C-alpha cells in the first residue's frame, strides 16, 4: 500500500510540471497607443490643408523645415482649426529656422484642418491620430 502511494505521488510530481507547461496562462496584455495617419502636406509658403476627421481628438503633428533662404529668416507656424466652425483651436507649432519636432494636441473628436504660415523655408507636416490598443505577448 505504501509503495503504491509513493508511486502515485512520484507520477503526480513528474506529470505536474509538464501539465503546467501545456496550460500556460495567457500573458498579460498592456495598453498602448497606435498612431493612424490622417494626412501629410508639404510646401513653401503659407497654405491651408484639406479637412481630416479625428475620431479620438488625440493628434500628433510631425513637422520638419529645411532650405532656409537666409539664416534667421525662416518662420513656420501651424494652427489647428475646427472644420465645423473654422475657429482656431490651438497654435501647435511656432518655430524659426531649420528644424524638426513632434507636437501633441488633445481636442474633442471632430473634423479639423491645419493653417500653415511659412516664410523663407520648405516644410512638411504630417497629422496622425492616437488610437487606444492593447499589446499581448509575442507568440513563440
Protein backbone atom coordinates (compact mmCIF):
# COMPACT_ATOMS: atom_id res chain seq x y z
CA UNK A 1 0.00 0.00 0.00
CA UNK A 2 2.78 2.41 0.93
CA UNK A 3 4.66 1.59 -2.26
CA UNK A 4 1.62 2.28 -4.47
CA UNK A 5 1.04 5.63 -2.72
CA UNK A 6 4.70 6.59 -3.26
CA UNK A 7 4.47 5.58 -6.91
CA UNK A 8 1.30 7.68 -7.38
CA UNK A 9 2.91 10.70 -5.68
CA UNK A 10 6.01 10.27 -7.84
CA UNK A 11 3.95 10.08 -11.04
CA UNK A 12 1.97 13.16 -9.98
CA UNK A 13 5.15 15.11 -9.30
CA UNK A 14 6.54 14.22 -12.73
CA UNK A 15 3.27 14.96 -14.56
CA UNK A 16 2.52 18.26 -12.79
CA UNK A 17 5.30 20.38 -14.35
CA UNK A 18 4.62 19.12 -17.87
CA UNK A 19 0.88 19.76 -17.49
CA UNK A 20 1.51 23.29 -16.27
CA UNK A 21 3.74 23.98 -19.29
CA UNK A 22 0.96 22.95 -21.65
CA UNK A 23 -1.68 25.02 -19.88
CA UNK A 24 0.27 28.27 -19.54
CA UNK A 25 -1.95 31.20 -18.74
CA UNK A 26 -2.01 33.83 -21.47
CA UNK A 27 0.41 36.70 -20.84
CA UNK A 28 -0.83 39.99 -19.58
CA UNK A 29 -1.96 42.48 -22.20
CA UNK A 30 -0.77 46.05 -21.81
CA UNK A 31 -2.39 49.22 -23.08
CA UNK A 32 -0.70 51.02 -25.97
CA UNK A 33 -1.29 53.83 -28.45
CA UNK A 34 -1.22 53.19 -32.19
CA UNK A 35 -0.80 56.21 -34.47
CA UNK A 36 -3.01 56.26 -37.58
CA UNK A 37 -2.00 58.61 -40.41
CA UNK A 38 -4.59 61.27 -41.22
CA UNK A 39 -2.66 63.24 -43.83
CA UNK A 40 0.62 64.82 -44.78
CA UNK A 41 1.44 68.04 -46.59
CA UNK A 42 4.49 69.92 -47.78
CA UNK A 43 5.26 73.23 -49.39
CA UNK A 44 7.00 76.56 -49.32
CA UNK A 45 4.88 79.47 -48.14
CA UNK A 46 1.53 79.51 -46.37
CA UNK A 47 -1.41 77.22 -47.04
CA UNK A 48 -4.49 75.60 -45.52
CA UNK A 49 -4.82 71.80 -45.60
CA UNK A 50 -7.91 69.93 -46.67
CA UNK A 51 -10.08 68.76 -43.76
CA UNK A 52 -9.43 65.48 -41.97
CA UNK A 53 -11.51 63.70 -39.32
CA UNK A 54 -10.17 62.58 -35.97
CA UNK A 55 -12.37 60.08 -34.14
CA UNK A 56 -10.38 60.43 -30.90
CA UNK A 57 -9.21 64.06 -30.86
CA UNK A 58 -5.73 62.87 -29.88
CA UNK A 59 -3.43 64.33 -32.55
CA UNK A 60 0.30 64.13 -33.16
CA UNK A 61 1.86 66.54 -35.65
CA UNK A 62 5.29 65.68 -37.02
CA UNK A 63 6.98 68.52 -38.83
CA UNK A 64 10.27 69.45 -40.47
CA UNK A 65 11.63 72.65 -42.02
CA UNK A 66 14.65 72.91 -44.34
CA UNK A 67 16.25 75.00 -47.07
CA UNK A 68 16.03 78.30 -45.21
CA UNK A 69 16.54 81.14 -47.72
CA UNK A 70 18.73 83.21 -45.37
CA UNK A 71 19.72 82.18 -41.82
CA UNK A 72 17.33 83.53 -39.22
CA UNK A 73 14.56 84.46 -41.68
CA UNK A 74 12.55 81.22 -41.71
CA UNK A 75 9.17 81.22 -39.97
CA UNK A 76 6.91 78.19 -39.52
CA UNK A 77 3.60 78.15 -37.63
CA UNK A 78 0.85 75.54 -37.65
CA UNK A 79 -2.55 76.27 -36.16
CA UNK A 80 -5.15 73.53 -35.68
CA UNK A 81 -8.66 74.67 -36.67
CA UNK A 82 -12.11 73.17 -36.24
CA UNK A 83 -13.52 72.36 -39.67
CA UNK A 84 -17.01 72.69 -38.20
CA UNK A 85 -16.76 76.34 -37.10
CA UNK A 86 -13.48 77.35 -38.74
CA UNK A 87 -12.15 78.78 -35.49
CA UNK A 88 -8.55 78.40 -34.43
CA UNK A 89 -8.23 75.85 -31.61
CA UNK A 90 -4.52 75.81 -30.81
CA UNK A 91 -1.21 77.12 -32.11
CA UNK A 92 0.56 73.76 -32.33
CA UNK A 93 3.90 74.81 -33.86
CA UNK A 94 5.74 78.13 -33.67
CA UNK A 95 9.29 77.67 -34.95
CA UNK A 96 12.04 79.67 -36.58
CA UNK A 97 14.68 78.36 -38.94
CA UNK A 98 15.55 74.81 -39.88
CA UNK A 99 14.40 72.04 -37.55
CA UNK A 100 12.07 69.15 -36.86
CA UNK A 101 9.91 68.06 -33.96
CA UNK A 102 6.65 66.47 -32.86
CA UNK A 103 3.82 68.14 -31.03
CA UNK A 104 0.73 66.63 -29.41
CA UNK A 105 -2.75 68.16 -29.40
CA UNK A 106 -5.71 66.94 -27.39
CA UNK A 107 -9.12 68.14 -28.57
CA UNK A 108 -12.66 66.86 -28.87
CA UNK A 109 -13.15 64.47 -31.81
CA UNK A 110 -14.28 66.33 -34.94
CA UNK A 111 -13.13 67.36 -38.41
CA UNK A 112 -10.01 69.55 -38.39
CA UNK A 113 -7.79 71.40 -40.81
CA UNK A 114 -4.35 72.94 -40.40
CA UNK A 115 -3.41 76.51 -41.27
CA UNK A 116 0.30 76.73 -42.09
CA UNK A 117 2.08 80.08 -42.01
CA UNK A 118 5.54 79.86 -43.53
CA UNK A 119 8.17 82.18 -44.93
CA UNK A 120 11.64 81.61 -46.38
CA UNK A 121 11.82 77.81 -45.98
CA UNK A 122 10.46 74.48 -47.20
CA UNK A 123 8.31 72.45 -44.79
CA UNK A 124 6.50 69.17 -44.31
CA UNK A 125 3.87 68.31 -41.70
CA UNK A 126 2.02 65.04 -41.01
CA UNK A 127 -1.06 64.61 -38.82
CA UNK A 128 -1.64 61.33 -37.01
CA UNK A 129 -4.37 60.18 -34.65
CA UNK A 130 -3.75 58.24 -31.46
CA UNK A 131 -5.92 55.14 -31.15
CA UNK A 132 -6.06 53.01 -28.00
CA UNK A 133 -4.92 49.41 -28.40
CA UNK A 134 -3.67 46.51 -26.29
CA UNK A 135 -0.48 44.58 -26.84
CA UNK A 136 -0.10 40.95 -25.83
CA UNK A 137 2.92 38.72 -25.53
CA UNK A 138 4.79 37.78 -28.69
CA UNK A 139 3.87 34.29 -29.95
CA UNK A 140 6.73 31.79 -29.96
